[in-house]
mmCIF file of all heavy atoms, coordinates in Angstrom:
data_MODEL
# 
_entry.id   MODEL 
# 
loop_
_atom_site.group_PDB 
_atom_site.id 
_atom_site.type_symbol 
_atom_site.label_atom_id 
_atom_site.label_alt_id 
_atom_site.label_comp_id 
_atom_site.label_asym_id 
_atom_site.label_entity_id 
_atom_site.label_seq_id 
_atom_site.pdbx_PDB_ins_code 
_atom_site.Cartn_x 
_atom_site.Cartn_y 
_atom_site.Cartn_z 
_atom_site.occupancy 
_atom_site.B_iso_or_equiv 
_atom_site.pdbx_formal_charge 
_atom_site.auth_seq_id 
_atom_site.auth_comp_id 
_atom_site.auth_asym_id 
_atom_site.auth_atom_id 
_atom_site.pdbx_PDB_model_num 
ATOM 1   N N   . THR A 1 1  ? -4.329  -6.841  14.724 1.00 0.00 ? 1  THR A N   1 
ATOM 2   C CA  . THR A 1 1  ? -5.362  -7.206  13.754 1.00 0.00 ? 1  THR A CA  1 
ATOM 3   C C   . THR A 1 1  ? -5.816  -5.977  12.970 1.00 0.00 ? 1  THR A C   1 
ATOM 4   O O   . THR A 1 1  ? -6.427  -6.103  11.915 1.00 0.00 ? 1  THR A O   1 
ATOM 5   C CB  . THR A 1 1  ? -6.575  -7.830  14.468 1.00 0.00 ? 1  THR A CB  1 
ATOM 6   O OG1 . THR A 1 1  ? -7.018  -6.931  15.494 1.00 0.00 ? 1  THR A OG1 1 
ATOM 7   C CG2 . THR A 1 1  ? -6.198  -9.167  15.083 1.00 0.00 ? 1  THR A CG2 1 
ATOM 8   N N   . GLU A 1 2  ? -5.501  -4.796  13.509 1.00 0.00 ? 2  GLU A N   1 
ATOM 9   C CA  . GLU A 1 2  ? -5.836  -3.549  12.813 1.00 0.00 ? 2  GLU A CA  1 
ATOM 10  C C   . GLU A 1 2  ? -4.609  -2.639  12.764 1.00 0.00 ? 2  GLU A C   1 
ATOM 11  O O   . GLU A 1 2  ? -4.595  -1.561  13.364 1.00 0.00 ? 2  GLU A O   1 
ATOM 12  C CB  . GLU A 1 2  ? -6.996  -2.832  13.505 1.00 0.00 ? 2  GLU A CB  1 
ATOM 13  C CG  . GLU A 1 2  ? -8.309  -3.612  13.450 1.00 0.00 ? 2  GLU A CG  1 
ATOM 14  C CD  . GLU A 1 2  ? -9.438  -2.849  14.112 1.00 0.00 ? 2  GLU A CD  1 
ATOM 15  O OE1 . GLU A 1 2  ? -9.176  -1.753  14.659 1.00 0.00 ? 2  GLU A OE1 1 
ATOM 16  O OE2 . GLU A 1 2  ? -10.563 -3.348  14.086 1.00 0.00 ? 2  GLU A OE2 1 
ATOM 17  N N   . PRO A 1 3  ? -3.562  -3.065  12.061 1.00 0.00 ? 3  PRO A N   1 
ATOM 18  C CA  . PRO A 1 3  ? -2.351  -2.231  11.982 1.00 0.00 ? 3  PRO A CA  1 
ATOM 19  C C   . PRO A 1 3  ? -2.613  -0.987  11.148 1.00 0.00 ? 3  PRO A C   1 
ATOM 20  O O   . PRO A 1 3  ? -3.581  -0.923  10.388 1.00 0.00 ? 3  PRO A O   1 
ATOM 21  C CB  . PRO A 1 3  ? -1.341  -3.146  11.301 1.00 0.00 ? 3  PRO A CB  1 
ATOM 22  C CG  . PRO A 1 3  ? -2.176  -4.059  10.452 1.00 0.00 ? 3  PRO A CG  1 
ATOM 23  C CD  . PRO A 1 3  ? -3.450  -4.268  11.228 1.00 0.00 ? 3  PRO A CD  1 
ATOM 24  N N   . ASP A 1 4  ? -1.747  -0.015  11.292 1.00 0.00 ? 4  ASP A N   1 
ATOM 25  C CA  . ASP A 1 4  ? -1.845  1.204   10.501 1.00 0.00 ? 4  ASP A CA  1 
ATOM 26  C C   . ASP A 1 4  ? -1.485  0.872   9.055  1.00 0.00 ? 4  ASP A C   1 
ATOM 27  O O   . ASP A 1 4  ? -0.333  0.515   8.765  1.00 0.00 ? 4  ASP A O   1 
ATOM 28  C CB  . ASP A 1 4  ? -0.875  2.251   11.073 1.00 0.00 ? 4  ASP A CB  1 
ATOM 29  C CG  . ASP A 1 4  ? -0.962  3.584   10.346 1.00 0.00 ? 4  ASP A CG  1 
ATOM 30  O OD1 . ASP A 1 4  ? -1.570  3.638   9.255  1.00 0.00 ? 4  ASP A OD1 1 
ATOM 31  O OD2 . ASP A 1 4  ? -0.410  4.576   10.871 1.00 0.00 ? 4  ASP A OD2 1 
ATOM 32  N N   . PRO A 1 5  ? -2.445  0.963   8.117  1.00 0.00 ? 5  PRO A N   1 
ATOM 33  C CA  . PRO A 1 5  ? -2.155  0.585   6.722  1.00 0.00 ? 5  PRO A CA  1 
ATOM 34  C C   . PRO A 1 5  ? -1.069  1.442   6.086  1.00 0.00 ? 5  PRO A C   1 
ATOM 35  O O   . PRO A 1 5  ? -0.387  0.998   5.159  1.00 0.00 ? 5  PRO A O   1 
ATOM 36  C CB  . PRO A 1 5  ? -3.504  0.772   6.011  1.00 0.00 ? 5  PRO A CB  1 
ATOM 37  C CG  . PRO A 1 5  ? -4.296  1.689   6.889  1.00 0.00 ? 5  PRO A CG  1 
ATOM 38  C CD  . PRO A 1 5  ? -3.837  1.414   8.287  1.00 0.00 ? 5  PRO A CD  1 
ATOM 39  N N   . TRP A 1 6  ? -0.907  2.662   6.579  1.00 0.00 ? 6  TRP A N   1 
ATOM 40  C CA  . TRP A 1 6  ? 0.150   3.547   6.063  1.00 0.00 ? 6  TRP A CA  1 
ATOM 41  C C   . TRP A 1 6  ? 1.500   2.850   6.167  1.00 0.00 ? 6  TRP A C   1 
ATOM 42  O O   . TRP A 1 6  ? 2.361   2.984   5.297  1.00 0.00 ? 6  TRP A O   1 
ATOM 43  C CB  . TRP A 1 6  ? 0.152   4.841   6.883  1.00 0.00 ? 6  TRP A CB  1 
ATOM 44  C CG  . TRP A 1 6  ? 0.853   6.008   6.273  1.00 0.00 ? 6  TRP A CG  1 
ATOM 45  C CD1 . TRP A 1 6  ? 0.293   7.036   5.580  1.00 0.00 ? 6  TRP A CD1 1 
ATOM 46  C CD2 . TRP A 1 6  ? 2.261   6.317   6.344  1.00 0.00 ? 6  TRP A CD2 1 
ATOM 47  N NE1 . TRP A 1 6  ? 1.254   7.942   5.197  1.00 0.00 ? 6  TRP A NE1 1 
ATOM 48  C CE2 . TRP A 1 6  ? 2.464   7.530   5.652  1.00 0.00 ? 6  TRP A CE2 1 
ATOM 49  C CE3 . TRP A 1 6  ? 3.361   5.685   6.903  1.00 0.00 ? 6  TRP A CE3 1 
ATOM 50  C CZ2 . TRP A 1 6  ? 3.721   8.115   5.521  1.00 0.00 ? 6  TRP A CZ2 1 
ATOM 51  C CZ3 . TRP A 1 6  ? 4.614   6.259   6.769  1.00 0.00 ? 6  TRP A CZ3 1 
ATOM 52  C CH2 . TRP A 1 6  ? 4.780   7.474   6.086  1.00 0.00 ? 6  TRP A CH2 1 
ATOM 53  N N   . LEU A 1 7  ? 1.652   2.046   7.248  1.00 0.00 ? 7  LEU A N   1 
ATOM 54  C CA  . LEU A 1 7  ? 2.900   1.327   7.505  1.00 0.00 ? 7  LEU A CA  1 
ATOM 55  C C   . LEU A 1 7  ? 2.832   -0.106  6.990  1.00 0.00 ? 7  LEU A C   1 
ATOM 56  O O   . LEU A 1 7  ? 3.707   -0.558  6.248  1.00 0.00 ? 7  LEU A O   1 
ATOM 57  C CB  . LEU A 1 7  ? 3.201   1.341   9.001  1.00 0.00 ? 7  LEU A CB  1 
ATOM 58  C CG  . LEU A 1 7  ? 4.405   0.537   9.488  1.00 0.00 ? 7  LEU A CG  1 
ATOM 59  C CD1 . LEU A 1 7  ? 5.699   1.224   9.044  1.00 0.00 ? 7  LEU A CD1 1 
ATOM 60  C CD2 . LEU A 1 7  ? 4.386   0.407   11.012 1.00 0.00 ? 7  LEU A CD2 1 
ATOM 61  N N   . SER A 1 8  ? 1.790   -0.811  7.380  1.00 0.00 ? 8  SER A N   1 
ATOM 62  C CA  . SER A 1 8  ? 1.750   -2.266  7.148  1.00 0.00 ? 8  SER A CA  1 
ATOM 63  C C   . SER A 1 8  ? 1.694   -2.648  5.674  1.00 0.00 ? 8  SER A C   1 
ATOM 64  O O   . SER A 1 8  ? 2.144   -3.729  5.293  1.00 0.00 ? 8  SER A O   1 
ATOM 65  C CB  . SER A 1 8  ? 0.564   -2.880  7.892  1.00 0.00 ? 8  SER A CB  1 
ATOM 66  O OG  . SER A 1 8  ? -0.655  -2.351  7.403  1.00 0.00 ? 8  SER A OG  1 
ATOM 67  N N   . HIS A 1 9  ? 1.169   -1.767  4.826  1.00 0.00 ? 9  HIS A N   1 
ATOM 68  C CA  . HIS A 1 9  ? 1.075   -2.092  3.399  1.00 0.00 ? 9  HIS A CA  1 
ATOM 69  C C   . HIS A 1 9  ? 2.424   -2.076  2.698  1.00 0.00 ? 9  HIS A C   1 
ATOM 70  O O   . HIS A 1 9  ? 2.565   -2.660  1.616  1.00 0.00 ? 9  HIS A O   1 
ATOM 71  C CB  . HIS A 1 9  ? 0.121   -1.111  2.697  1.00 0.00 ? 9  HIS A CB  1 
ATOM 72  C CG  . HIS A 1 9  ? -1.318  -1.385  3.006  1.00 0.00 ? 9  HIS A CG  1 
ATOM 73  N ND1 . HIS A 1 9  ? -2.352  -0.627  2.499  1.00 0.00 ? 9  HIS A ND1 1 
ATOM 74  C CD2 . HIS A 1 9  ? -1.907  -2.331  3.790  1.00 0.00 ? 9  HIS A CD2 1 
ATOM 75  C CE1 . HIS A 1 9  ? -3.509  -1.096  2.957  1.00 0.00 ? 9  HIS A CE1 1 
ATOM 76  N NE2 . HIS A 1 9  ? -3.263  -2.126  3.725  1.00 0.00 ? 9  HIS A NE2 1 
ATOM 77  N N   . VAL A 1 10 ? 3.405   -1.404  3.278  1.00 0.00 ? 10 VAL A N   1 
ATOM 78  C CA  . VAL A 1 10 ? 4.708   -1.301  2.604  1.00 0.00 ? 10 VAL A CA  1 
ATOM 79  C C   . VAL A 1 10 ? 5.878   -1.852  3.420  1.00 0.00 ? 10 VAL A C   1 
ATOM 80  O O   . VAL A 1 10 ? 6.956   -2.073  2.870  1.00 0.00 ? 10 VAL A O   1 
ATOM 81  C CB  . VAL A 1 10 ? 5.035   0.167   2.224  1.00 0.00 ? 10 VAL A CB  1 
ATOM 82  C CG1 . VAL A 1 10 ? 4.017   0.702   1.240  1.00 0.00 ? 10 VAL A CG1 1 
ATOM 83  C CG2 . VAL A 1 10 ? 5.111   1.051   3.447  1.00 0.00 ? 10 VAL A CG2 1 
ATOM 84  N N   . ALA A 1 11 ? 5.689   -2.076  4.718  1.00 0.00 ? 11 ALA A N   1 
ATOM 85  C CA  . ALA A 1 11 ? 6.818   -2.433  5.587  1.00 0.00 ? 11 ALA A CA  1 
ATOM 86  C C   . ALA A 1 11 ? 7.035   -3.936  5.650  1.00 0.00 ? 11 ALA A C   1 
ATOM 87  O O   . ALA A 1 11 ? 6.089   -4.715  5.819  1.00 0.00 ? 11 ALA A O   1 
ATOM 88  C CB  . ALA A 1 11 ? 6.585   -1.883  6.991  1.00 0.00 ? 11 ALA A CB  1 
ATOM 89  N N   . ASP A 1 12 ? 8.294   -4.338  5.529  1.00 0.00 ? 12 ASP A N   1 
ATOM 90  C CA  . ASP A 1 12 ? 8.686   -5.729  5.711  1.00 0.00 ? 12 ASP A CA  1 
ATOM 91  C C   . ASP A 1 12 ? 9.208   -5.875  7.146  1.00 0.00 ? 12 ASP A C   1 
ATOM 92  O O   . ASP A 1 12 ? 10.347  -5.497  7.440  1.00 0.00 ? 12 ASP A O   1 
ATOM 93  C CB  . ASP A 1 12 ? 9.763   -6.103  4.698  1.00 0.00 ? 12 ASP A CB  1 
ATOM 94  C CG  . ASP A 1 12 ? 10.125  -7.581  4.748  1.00 0.00 ? 12 ASP A CG  1 
ATOM 95  O OD1 . ASP A 1 12 ? 9.778   -8.249  5.747  1.00 0.00 ? 12 ASP A OD1 1 
ATOM 96  O OD2 . ASP A 1 12 ? 10.765  -8.069  3.790  1.00 0.00 ? 12 ASP A OD2 1 
ATOM 97  N N   . PHE A 1 13 ? 8.382   -6.434  8.006  1.00 0.00 ? 13 PHE A N   1 
ATOM 98  C CA  . PHE A 1 13 ? 8.725   -6.514  9.432  1.00 0.00 ? 13 PHE A CA  1 
ATOM 99  C C   . PHE A 1 13 ? 9.854   -7.505  9.720  1.00 0.00 ? 13 PHE A C   1 
ATOM 100 O O   . PHE A 1 13 ? 10.370  -7.545  10.836 1.00 0.00 ? 13 PHE A O   1 
ATOM 101 C CB  . PHE A 1 13 ? 7.481   -6.884  10.253 1.00 0.00 ? 13 PHE A CB  1 
ATOM 102 C CG  . PHE A 1 13 ? 6.417   -5.818  10.255 1.00 0.00 ? 13 PHE A CG  1 
ATOM 103 C CD1 . PHE A 1 13 ? 5.263   -5.956  9.497  1.00 0.00 ? 13 PHE A CD1 1 
ATOM 104 C CD2 . PHE A 1 13 ? 6.579   -4.667  11.014 1.00 0.00 ? 13 PHE A CD2 1 
ATOM 105 C CE1 . PHE A 1 13 ? 4.285   -4.980  9.493  1.00 0.00 ? 13 PHE A CE1 1 
ATOM 106 C CE2 . PHE A 1 13 ? 5.606   -3.678  11.022 1.00 0.00 ? 13 PHE A CE2 1 
ATOM 107 C CZ  . PHE A 1 13 ? 4.455   -3.828  10.259 1.00 0.00 ? 13 PHE A CZ  1 
ATOM 108 N N   . SER A 1 14 ? 10.226  -8.284  8.719  1.00 0.00 ? 14 SER A N   1 
ATOM 109 C CA  . SER A 1 14 ? 11.326  -9.231  8.918  1.00 0.00 ? 14 SER A CA  1 
ATOM 110 C C   . SER A 1 14 ? 12.667  -8.657  8.463  1.00 0.00 ? 14 SER A C   1 
ATOM 111 O O   . SER A 1 14 ? 13.685  -9.343  8.508  1.00 0.00 ? 14 SER A O   1 
ATOM 112 C CB  . SER A 1 14 ? 11.045  -10.536 8.165  1.00 0.00 ? 14 SER A CB  1 
ATOM 113 O OG  . SER A 1 14 ? 11.144  -10.320 6.761  1.00 0.00 ? 14 SER A OG  1 
ATOM 114 N N   . GLN A 1 15 ? 12.645  -7.402  8.014  1.00 0.00 ? 15 GLN A N   1 
ATOM 115 C CA  . GLN A 1 15 ? 13.875  -6.759  7.527  1.00 0.00 ? 15 GLN A CA  1 
ATOM 116 C C   . GLN A 1 15 ? 14.045  -5.410  8.228  1.00 0.00 ? 15 GLN A C   1 
ATOM 117 O O   . GLN A 1 15 ? 13.766  -4.361  7.662  1.00 0.00 ? 15 GLN A O   1 
ATOM 118 C CB  . GLN A 1 15 ? 13.802  -6.545  6.013  1.00 0.00 ? 15 GLN A CB  1 
ATOM 119 C CG  . GLN A 1 15 ? 13.534  -7.786  5.200  1.00 0.00 ? 15 GLN A CG  1 
ATOM 120 C CD  . GLN A 1 15 ? 14.728  -8.723  5.172  1.00 0.00 ? 15 GLN A CD  1 
ATOM 121 O OE1 . GLN A 1 15 ? 15.847  -8.313  5.476  1.00 0.00 ? 15 GLN A OE1 1 
ATOM 122 N NE2 . GLN A 1 15 ? 14.503  -9.964  4.836  1.00 0.00 ? 15 GLN A NE2 1 
ATOM 123 N N   . VAL A 1 16 ? 14.472  -5.445  9.486  1.00 0.00 ? 16 VAL A N   1 
ATOM 124 C CA  . VAL A 1 16 ? 14.585  -4.231  10.290 1.00 0.00 ? 16 VAL A CA  1 
ATOM 125 C C   . VAL A 1 16 ? 16.059  -3.953  10.591 1.00 0.00 ? 16 VAL A C   1 
ATOM 126 O O   . VAL A 1 16 ? 16.811  -4.861  10.968 1.00 0.00 ? 16 VAL A O   1 
ATOM 127 C CB  . VAL A 1 16 ? 13.786  -4.350  11.604 1.00 0.00 ? 16 VAL A CB  1 
ATOM 128 C CG1 . VAL A 1 16 ? 13.952  -3.098  12.463 1.00 0.00 ? 16 VAL A CG1 1 
ATOM 129 C CG2 . VAL A 1 16 ? 12.305  -4.597  11.302 1.00 0.00 ? 16 VAL A CG2 1 
ATOM 130 N N   . PHE A 1 17 ? 16.435  -2.699  10.421 1.00 0.00 ? 17 PHE A N   1 
ATOM 131 C CA  . PHE A 1 17 ? 17.782  -2.246  10.765 1.00 0.00 ? 17 PHE A CA  1 
ATOM 132 C C   . PHE A 1 17 ? 17.649  -1.074  11.729 1.00 0.00 ? 17 PHE A C   1 
ATOM 133 O O   . PHE A 1 17 ? 16.798  -0.204  11.531 1.00 0.00 ? 17 PHE A O   1 
ATOM 134 C CB  . PHE A 1 17 ? 18.557  -1.834  9.509  1.00 0.00 ? 17 PHE A CB  1 
ATOM 135 C CG  . PHE A 1 17 ? 18.865  -2.989  8.600  1.00 0.00 ? 17 PHE A CG  1 
ATOM 136 C CD1 . PHE A 1 17 ? 17.915  -3.445  7.697  1.00 0.00 ? 17 PHE A CD1 1 
ATOM 137 C CD2 . PHE A 1 17 ? 20.084  -3.642  8.685  1.00 0.00 ? 17 PHE A CD2 1 
ATOM 138 C CE1 . PHE A 1 17 ? 18.179  -4.533  6.877  1.00 0.00 ? 17 PHE A CE1 1 
ATOM 139 C CE2 . PHE A 1 17 ? 20.359  -4.732  7.864  1.00 0.00 ? 17 PHE A CE2 1 
ATOM 140 C CZ  . PHE A 1 17 ? 19.402  -5.178  6.959  1.00 0.00 ? 17 PHE A CZ  1 
ATOM 141 N N   . ILE A 1 18 ? 18.479  -1.072  12.757 1.00 0.00 ? 18 ILE A N   1 
ATOM 142 C CA  . ILE A 1 18 ? 18.400  -0.024  13.779 1.00 0.00 ? 18 ILE A CA  1 
ATOM 143 C C   . ILE A 1 18 ? 19.681  0.798   13.737 1.00 0.00 ? 18 ILE A C   1 
ATOM 144 O O   . ILE A 1 18 ? 20.772  0.279   13.979 1.00 0.00 ? 18 ILE A O   1 
ATOM 145 C CB  . ILE A 1 18 ? 18.174  -0.618  15.180 1.00 0.00 ? 18 ILE A CB  1 
ATOM 146 C CG1 . ILE A 1 18 ? 16.823  -1.359  15.223 1.00 0.00 ? 18 ILE A CG1 1 
ATOM 147 C CG2 . ILE A 1 18 ? 18.216  0.472   16.241 1.00 0.00 ? 18 ILE A CG2 1 
ATOM 148 C CD1 . ILE A 1 18 ? 16.533  -2.037  16.544 1.00 0.00 ? 18 ILE A CD1 1 
ATOM 149 N N   . SER A 1 19 ? 19.530  2.080   13.409 1.00 0.00 ? 19 SER A N   1 
ATOM 150 C CA  . SER A 1 19 ? 20.692  2.969   13.357 1.00 0.00 ? 19 SER A CA  1 
ATOM 151 C C   . SER A 1 19 ? 20.511  4.094   14.364 1.00 0.00 ? 19 SER A C   1 
ATOM 152 O O   . SER A 1 19 ? 19.395  4.421   14.776 1.00 0.00 ? 19 SER A O   1 
ATOM 153 C CB  . SER A 1 19 ? 20.875  3.552   11.958 1.00 0.00 ? 19 SER A CB  1 
ATOM 154 O OG  . SER A 1 19 ? 20.060  4.687   11.766 1.00 0.00 ? 19 SER A OG  1 
ATOM 155 N N   . GLY A 1 20 ? 21.627  4.676   14.739 1.00 0.00 ? 20 GLY A N   1 
ATOM 156 C CA  . GLY A 1 20 ? 21.582  5.814   15.640 1.00 0.00 ? 20 GLY A CA  1 
ATOM 157 C C   . GLY A 1 20 ? 22.796  6.689   15.440 1.00 0.00 ? 20 GLY A C   1 
ATOM 158 O O   . GLY A 1 20 ? 23.883  6.206   15.103 1.00 0.00 ? 20 GLY A O   1 
ATOM 159 N N   . ASP A 1 21 ? 22.595  7.968   15.634 1.00 0.00 ? 21 ASP A N   1 
ATOM 160 C CA  . ASP A 1 21 ? 23.618  8.988   15.430 1.00 0.00 ? 21 ASP A CA  1 
ATOM 161 C C   . ASP A 1 21 ? 24.075  9.492   16.788 1.00 0.00 ? 21 ASP A C   1 
ATOM 162 O O   . ASP A 1 21 ? 23.262  10.008  17.562 1.00 0.00 ? 21 ASP A O   1 
ATOM 163 C CB  . ASP A 1 21 ? 22.983  10.095  14.577 1.00 0.00 ? 21 ASP A CB  1 
ATOM 164 C CG  . ASP A 1 21 ? 23.838  11.351  14.454 1.00 0.00 ? 21 ASP A CG  1 
ATOM 165 O OD1 . ASP A 1 21 ? 25.000  11.323  14.887 1.00 0.00 ? 21 ASP A OD1 1 
ATOM 166 O OD2 . ASP A 1 21 ? 23.332  12.352  13.919 1.00 0.00 ? 21 ASP A OD2 1 
ATOM 167 N N   . SER A 1 22 ? 25.377  9.313   17.107 1.00 0.00 ? 22 SER A N   1 
ATOM 168 C CA  . SER A 1 22 ? 25.952  9.819   18.351 1.00 0.00 ? 22 SER A CA  1 
ATOM 169 C C   . SER A 1 22 ? 25.263  9.203   19.577 1.00 0.00 ? 22 SER A C   1 
ATOM 170 O O   . SER A 1 22 ? 25.386  8.001   19.802 1.00 0.00 ? 22 SER A O   1 
ATOM 171 C CB  . SER A 1 22 ? 25.891  11.358  18.359 1.00 0.00 ? 22 SER A CB  1 
ATOM 172 O OG  . SER A 1 22 ? 26.727  11.891  19.362 1.00 0.00 ? 22 SER A OG  1 
ATOM 173 N N   . ALA A 1 23 ? 24.499  9.982   20.342 1.00 0.00 ? 23 ALA A N   1 
ATOM 174 C CA  . ALA A 1 23 ? 23.762  9.393   21.466 1.00 0.00 ? 23 ALA A CA  1 
ATOM 175 C C   . ALA A 1 23 ? 22.812  8.313   20.956 1.00 0.00 ? 23 ALA A C   1 
ATOM 176 O O   . ALA A 1 23 ? 22.603  7.286   21.613 1.00 0.00 ? 23 ALA A O   1 
ATOM 177 C CB  . ALA A 1 23 ? 22.985  10.477  22.214 1.00 0.00 ? 23 ALA A CB  1 
ATOM 178 N N   . GLY A 1 24 ? 22.247  8.534   19.759 1.00 0.00 ? 24 GLY A N   1 
ATOM 179 C CA  . GLY A 1 24 ? 21.399  7.518   19.152 1.00 0.00 ? 24 GLY A CA  1 
ATOM 180 C C   . GLY A 1 24 ? 22.170  6.248   18.841 1.00 0.00 ? 24 GLY A C   1 
ATOM 181 O O   . GLY A 1 24 ? 21.618  5.143   18.900 1.00 0.00 ? 24 GLY A O   1 
# 
């Protein structure tokens, strides 16, 4: 109910991609 506006104002939570490099 109190998300970080720095993130929530611009982030589309339904469009997430997870990448990783080597061990990641």
